Amino acid sequence: MIVKNLIRQNLGGVAGYNAKAERAGHGQLLYSNVASTSASEIEQEMGAIAALRPRVLQPGVHMVMALHPSDALKVTDLMFMEMVDEYRRRVGLDMSQAVVWRHHDKLHPHIHGLFNRVAVTGEVVGMWNLKRKLDAFQADMCSRYGLKALQPKEFDGVHPELSSGGGGMKFGF
C-alpha cells in the first residue's frame, strides 16, 4: 500500500480525470458528500466553499491510495472506505468536502480522492507534518489489513502522470 497526495489549485481537473475514467468504464464513484455529480458541478460546488478563504491558493487535495497487486483479492469497496475514513481523520480532512472514486484500469487496486482543504465552516486544513502522518497511516493500514507495502518506484511505474513532473505539489508517500 502507498498513499500519495498532491495539493492542487484546480479542483475540476481531478474531478474531470475521474469522470473520464467513469465514462470509459474503469472507474466508479464510491463516496461523495457533495450534491453535485458532474465534474464541472463538483468544481463549482467545491470552489464555492474554497472561496470562503480566497488566500488559500491550492485548496484541493488529490489523494491516491494504491495497493500492491498481490492484495487485489483482499480489497473490497468497504475496506477502501474504512481506510479513507481513517485517512481523513488523521490528516484533518474529516469535516471537508470529499469525493472518492475507485479505478479498475491498473493491475493494482487503487482509489482517487478529491478533498477540499477549506471546510464548510471556513476553517483551513493545514498540511503541516503530512509525511509523518502518512507514513504512520500506511504502516497501520498494512498491519491492520495484512497488506503489502507498495514502493514509490513501483507506484511511479504504473502512474507516471502522478510521478515527478506530473504536476502539483507532492506531500508524502
C-alpha atoms as a PDB file:
ATOM      1  CA  MET A   1       0.000   0.000   0.000  1.00  0.00           C
ATOM      2  CA  ILE A   2       1.055   3.547  -0.697  1.00  0.00           C
ATOM      3  CA  VAL A   3      -0.676   6.897  -0.341  1.00  0.00           C
ATOM      4  CA  LYS A   4       0.300   9.859  -2.457  1.00  0.00           C
ATOM      5  CA  ASN A   5      -1.039  13.381  -2.021  1.00  0.00           C
ATOM      6  CA  LEU A   6      -0.911  16.200  -4.498  1.00  0.00           C
ATOM      7  CA  ILE A   7      -2.058  19.659  -3.476  1.00  0.00           C
ATOM      8  CA  ARG A   8      -3.973  21.240  -6.357  1.00  0.00           C
ATOM      9  CA  GLN A   9      -5.317  24.594  -7.340  1.00  0.00           C
ATOM     10  CA  ASN A  10      -7.681  23.131  -9.918  1.00  0.00           C
ATOM     11  CA  LEU A  11     -10.422  21.092  -8.233  1.00  0.00           C
ATOM     12  CA  GLY A  12     -12.127  20.468 -11.572  1.00  0.00           C
ATOM     13  CA  GLY A  13      -9.113  18.773 -13.142  1.00  0.00           C
ATOM     14  CA  VAL A  14      -9.227  15.909 -10.643  1.00  0.00           C
ATOM     15  CA  ALA A  15     -12.998  15.589 -10.950  1.00  0.00           C
ATOM     16  CA  GLY A  16     -12.707  15.608 -14.751  1.00  0.00           C
ATOM     17  CA  TYR A  17      -9.995  12.935 -14.742  1.00  0.00           C
ATOM     18  CA  ASN A  18     -12.215  10.664 -12.661  1.00  0.00           C
ATOM     19  CA  ALA A  19     -15.359  11.421 -14.677  1.00  0.00           C
ATOM     20  CA  LYS A  20     -13.439  10.359 -17.795  1.00  0.00           C
ATOM     21  CA  ALA A  21     -12.494   7.071 -16.076  1.00  0.00           C
ATOM     22  CA  GLU A  22     -16.169   6.520 -15.192  1.00  0.00           C
ATOM     23  CA  ARG A  23     -17.273   7.123 -18.800  1.00  0.00           C
ATOM     24  CA  ALA A  24     -14.588   4.700 -20.033  1.00  0.00           C
ATOM     25  CA  GLY A  25     -15.982   2.015 -17.714  1.00  0.00           C
ATOM     26  CA  HIS A  26     -12.925   1.609 -15.495  1.00  0.00           C
ATOM     27  CA  GLY A  27     -13.885   3.983 -12.690  1.00  0.00           C
ATOM     28  CA  GLN A  28     -16.756   4.205 -10.244  1.00  0.00           C
ATOM     29  CA  LEU A  29     -17.866   6.711  -7.649  1.00  0.00           C
ATOM     30  CA  LEU A  30     -17.532   5.212  -4.152  1.00  0.00           C
ATOM     31  CA  TYR A  31     -18.392   8.170  -1.953  1.00  0.00           C
ATOM     32  CA  SER A  32     -19.376  11.811  -2.142  1.00  0.00           C
ATOM     33  CA  ASN A  33     -20.616  14.338   0.374  1.00  0.00           C
ATOM     34  CA  VAL A  34     -21.243  16.990  -2.265  1.00  0.00           C
ATOM     35  CA  ALA A  35     -24.588  17.373  -4.017  1.00  0.00           C
ATOM     36  CA  SER A  36     -23.107  17.620  -7.495  1.00  0.00           C
ATOM     37  CA  THR A  37     -22.310  14.699  -9.754  1.00  0.00           C
ATOM     38  CA  SER A  38     -20.718  16.141 -12.889  1.00  0.00           C
ATOM     39  CA  ALA A  39     -17.088  17.246 -12.899  1.00  0.00           C
ATOM     40  CA  SER A  40     -17.924  20.877 -13.648  1.00  0.00           C
ATOM     41  CA  GLU A  41     -20.587  20.983 -10.930  1.00  0.00           C
ATOM     42  CA  ILE A  42     -18.226  19.362  -8.395  1.00  0.00           C
ATOM     43  CA  GLU A  43     -15.650  22.015  -9.297  1.00  0.00           C
ATOM     44  CA  GLN A  44     -18.209  24.803  -8.839  1.00  0.00           C
ATOM     45  CA  GLU A  45     -19.548  23.460  -5.548  1.00  0.00           C
ATOM     46  CA  MET A  46     -16.117  22.843  -4.034  1.00  0.00           C
ATOM     47  CA  GLY A  47     -14.896  26.133  -5.469  1.00  0.00           C
ATOM     48  CA  ALA A  48     -17.711  27.993  -3.716  1.00  0.00           C
ATOM     49  CA  ILE A  49     -16.533  26.637  -0.360  1.00  0.00           C
ATOM     50  CA  ALA A  50     -12.867  27.270  -1.213  1.00  0.00           C
ATOM     51  CA  ALA A  51     -13.840  30.891  -1.985  1.00  0.00           C
ATOM     52  CA  LEU A  52     -14.588  31.336   1.716  1.00  0.00           C
ATOM     53  CA  ARG A  53     -10.802  31.570   2.101  1.00  0.00           C
ATOM     54  CA  PRO A  54      -9.535  33.292  -1.071  1.00  0.00           C
ATOM     55  CA  ARG A  55      -5.950  33.431   0.233  1.00  0.00           C
ATOM     56  CA  VAL A  56      -5.748  29.605   0.041  1.00  0.00           C
ATOM     57  CA  LEU A  57      -4.352  29.279  -3.457  1.00  0.00           C
ATOM     58  CA  GLN A  58      -4.315  25.463  -3.547  1.00  0.00           C
ATOM     59  CA  PRO A  59      -7.493  24.252  -1.812  1.00  0.00           C
ATOM     60  CA  GLY A  60      -7.639  20.795  -3.371  1.00  0.00           C
ATOM     61  CA  VAL A  61      -6.037  17.587  -2.152  1.00  0.00           C
ATOM     62  CA  HIS A  62      -5.810  14.817  -4.736  1.00  0.00           C
ATOM     63  CA  MET A  63      -5.102  11.623  -2.832  1.00  0.00           C
ATOM     64  CA  VAL A  64      -4.256   8.329  -4.497  1.00  0.00           C
ATOM     65  CA  MET A  65      -4.285   5.200  -2.351  1.00  0.00           C
ATOM     66  CA  ALA A  66      -2.867   2.196  -4.168  1.00  0.00           C
ATOM     67  CA  LEU A  67      -2.449  -1.375  -3.017  1.00  0.00           C
ATOM     68  CA  HIS A  68       0.088  -3.934  -4.165  1.00  0.00           C
ATOM     69  CA  PRO A  69      -1.234  -6.160  -6.995  1.00  0.00           C
ATOM     70  CA  SER A  70      -0.904  -9.207  -4.730  1.00  0.00           C
ATOM     71  CA  ASP A  71      -3.564  -7.660  -2.460  1.00  0.00           C
ATOM     72  CA  ALA A  72      -6.149  -7.366  -5.242  1.00  0.00           C
ATOM     73  CA  LEU A  73      -8.280 -10.246  -3.957  1.00  0.00           C
ATOM     74  CA  LYS A  74      -8.285  -8.897  -0.384  1.00  0.00           C
ATOM     75  CA  VAL A  75      -9.662  -5.436  -1.017  1.00  0.00           C
ATOM     76  CA  THR A  76     -13.336  -4.508  -1.069  1.00  0.00           C
ATOM     77  CA  ASP A  77     -15.050  -1.175  -1.570  1.00  0.00           C
ATOM     78  CA  LEU A  78     -15.960  -1.206   2.128  1.00  0.00           C
ATOM     79  CA  MET A  79     -12.322  -1.766   3.106  1.00  0.00           C
ATOM     80  CA  PHE A  80     -11.217   1.128   0.901  1.00  0.00           C
ATOM     81  CA  MET A  81     -13.840   3.375   2.504  1.00  0.00           C
ATOM     82  CA  GLU A  82     -12.770   2.360   6.014  1.00  0.00           C
ATOM     83  CA  MET A  83      -9.211   3.349   5.063  1.00  0.00           C
ATOM     84  CA  VAL A  84     -10.419   6.636   3.540  1.00  0.00           C
ATOM     85  CA  ASP A  85     -12.322   7.471   6.736  1.00  0.00           C
ATOM     86  CA  GLU A  86      -9.187   6.819   8.782  1.00  0.00           C
ATOM     87  CA  TYR A  87      -7.050   8.837   6.340  1.00  0.00           C
ATOM     88  CA  ARG A  88      -9.435  11.798   6.545  1.00  0.00           C
ATOM     89  CA  ARG A  89      -9.433  11.688  10.331  1.00  0.00           C
ATOM     90  CA  ARG A  90      -5.635  11.545  10.611  1.00  0.00           C
ATOM     91  CA  VAL A  91      -4.984  14.249   8.032  1.00  0.00           C
ATOM     92  CA  GLY A  92      -7.722  16.524   9.383  1.00  0.00           C
ATOM     93  CA  LEU A  93      -9.999  16.373   6.341  1.00  0.00           C
ATOM     94  CA  ASP A  94     -12.867  14.631   8.126  1.00  0.00           C
ATOM     95  CA  MET A  95     -15.050  17.777   8.088  1.00  0.00           C
ATOM     96  CA  SER A  96     -14.231  18.709   4.481  1.00  0.00           C
ATOM     97  CA  GLN A  97     -15.934  18.076   1.186  1.00  0.00           C
ATOM     98  CA  ALA A  98     -14.849  14.747  -0.272  1.00  0.00           C
ATOM     99  CA  VAL A  99     -15.380  12.701  -3.412  1.00  0.00           C
ATOM    100  CA  VAL A 100     -13.799   9.235  -3.804  1.00  0.00           C
ATOM    101  CA  TRP A 101     -13.556   7.082  -6.926  1.00  0.00           C
ATOM    102  CA  ARG A 102     -12.261   3.545  -7.391  1.00  0.00           C
ATOM    103  CA  HIS A 103     -10.386   2.696 -10.584  1.00  0.00           C
ATOM    104  CA  HIS A 104     -10.026  -0.678 -12.278  1.00  0.00           C
ATOM    105  CA  ASP A 105      -7.588   0.304 -15.044  1.00  0.00           C
ATOM    106  CA  LYS A 106      -4.356  -0.950 -13.454  1.00  0.00           C
ATOM    107  CA  LEU A 107      -3.194  -4.278 -12.033  1.00  0.00           C
ATOM    108  CA  HIS A 108      -3.172  -2.842  -8.545  1.00  0.00           C
ATOM    109  CA  PRO A 109      -6.398  -1.773  -6.821  1.00  0.00           C
ATOM    110  CA  HIS A 110      -6.470   1.972  -6.241  1.00  0.00           C
ATOM    111  CA  ILE A 111      -8.689   4.900  -5.433  1.00  0.00           C
ATOM    112  CA  HIS A 112      -8.592   8.617  -6.109  1.00  0.00           C
ATOM    113  CA  GLY A 113      -9.935  11.093  -3.598  1.00  0.00           C
ATOM    114  CA  LEU A 114     -10.628  14.784  -4.023  1.00  0.00           C
ATOM    115  CA  PHE A 115     -10.801  16.757  -0.787  1.00  0.00           C
ATOM    116  CA  ASN A 116     -11.312  20.440  -0.088  1.00  0.00           C
ATOM    117  CA  ARG A 117      -8.808  21.897   2.382  1.00  0.00           C
ATOM    118  CA  VAL A 118     -11.351  24.624   3.143  1.00  0.00           C
ATOM    119  CA  ALA A 119     -14.114  23.219   5.349  1.00  0.00           C
ATOM    120  CA  VAL A 120     -17.707  24.471   5.099  1.00  0.00           C
ATOM    121  CA  THR A 121     -17.034  26.342   8.359  1.00  0.00           C
ATOM    122  CA  GLY A 122     -14.310  28.321   6.584  1.00  0.00           C
ATOM    123  CA  GLU A 123     -11.517  26.674   8.546  1.00  0.00           C
ATOM    124  CA  VAL A 124      -8.450  25.647   6.547  1.00  0.00           C
ATOM    125  CA  VAL A 125      -6.819  22.252   6.969  1.00  0.00           C
ATOM    126  CA  GLY A 126      -3.057  22.656   7.069  1.00  0.00           C
ATOM    127  CA  MET A 127      -0.745  20.126   5.507  1.00  0.00           C
ATOM    128  CA  TRP A 128       1.975  20.500   8.138  1.00  0.00           C
ATOM    129  CA  ASN A 129       3.848  17.278   9.028  1.00  0.00           C
ATOM    130  CA  LEU A 130       1.916  15.282   6.442  1.00  0.00           C
ATOM    131  CA  LYS A 131       4.725  12.872   5.530  1.00  0.00           C
ATOM    132  CA  ARG A 132       4.974  11.669   9.135  1.00  0.00           C
ATOM    133  CA  LYS A 133       1.199  11.231   9.339  1.00  0.00           C
ATOM    134  CA  LEU A 134       1.072   9.314   6.052  1.00  0.00           C
ATOM    135  CA  ASP A 135       3.970   7.035   6.980  1.00  0.00           C
ATOM    136  CA  ALA A 136       2.224   6.087  10.241  1.00  0.00           C
ATOM    137  CA  PHE A 137      -1.109   5.681   8.445  1.00  0.00           C
ATOM    138  CA  GLN A 138       0.371   3.365   5.803  1.00  0.00           C
ATOM    139  CA  ALA A 139       2.136   1.212   8.388  1.00  0.00           C
ATOM    140  CA  ASP A 140      -1.047   0.937  10.455  1.00  0.00           C
ATOM    141  CA  MET A 141      -3.232   0.038   7.467  1.00  0.00           C
ATOM    142  CA  CYS A 142      -0.726  -2.564   6.227  1.00  0.00           C
ATOM    143  CA  SER A 143      -0.717  -4.122   9.685  1.00  0.00           C
ATOM    144  CA  ARG A 144      -4.485  -3.914  10.243  1.00  0.00           C
ATOM    145  CA  TYR A 145      -5.460  -5.367   6.855  1.00  0.00           C
ATOM    146  CA  GLY A 146      -2.430  -7.571   6.152  1.00  0.00           C
ATOM    147  CA  LEU A 147      -1.374  -5.527   3.117  1.00  0.00           C
ATOM    148  CA  LYS A 148       1.986  -5.492   1.382  1.00  0.00           C
ATOM    149  CA  ALA A 149       3.850  -2.198   1.061  1.00  0.00           C
ATOM    150  CA  LEU A 150       3.966  -0.681  -2.417  1.00  0.00           C
ATOM    151  CA  GLN A 151       7.233   1.128  -3.054  1.00  0.00           C
ATOM    152  CA  PRO A 152       7.289   4.617  -4.623  1.00  0.00           C
ATOM    153  CA  LYS A 153       9.207   3.348  -7.675  1.00  0.00           C
ATOM    154  CA  GLU A 154       6.548   0.676  -8.263  1.00  0.00           C
ATOM    155  CA  PHE A 155       3.821   3.314  -7.966  1.00  0.00           C
ATOM    156  CA  ASP A 156       5.573   5.757 -10.303  1.00  0.00           C
ATOM    157  CA  GLY A 157       5.967   2.983 -12.878  1.00  0.00           C
ATOM    158  CA  VAL A 158       2.211   2.463 -13.158  1.00  0.00           C
ATOM    159  CA  HIS A 159       1.137   6.070 -12.510  1.00  0.00           C
ATOM    160  CA  PRO A 160       3.655   8.210 -14.423  1.00  0.00           C
ATOM    161  CA  GLU A 161       1.096  11.040 -14.533  1.00  0.00           C
ATOM    162  CA  LEU A 162       1.480  11.370 -10.752  1.00  0.00           C
ATOM    163  CA  SER A 163       5.245  10.895 -10.501  1.00  0.00           C
ATOM    164  CA  SER A 164       7.878  13.621 -10.589  1.00  0.00           C
ATOM    165  CA  GLY A 165       6.927  16.264 -13.096  1.00  0.00           C
ATOM    166  CA  GLY A 166       3.310  15.116 -13.122  1.00  0.00           C
ATOM    167  CA  GLY A 167       2.090  18.454 -11.811  1.00  0.00           C
ATOM    168  CA  GLY A 168       1.003  19.646  -8.415  1.00  0.00           C
ATOM    169  CA  MET A 169       2.974  19.774  -5.224  1.00  0.00           C
ATOM    170  CA  LYS A 170       3.681  16.417  -3.650  1.00  0.00           C
ATOM    171  CA  PHE A 171       3.383  15.759   0.048  1.00  0.00           C
ATOM    172  CA  GLY A 172       4.395  12.336   1.265  1.00  0.00           C
ATOM    173  CA  PHE A 173       4.107   8.793   0.097  1.00  0.00           C
END
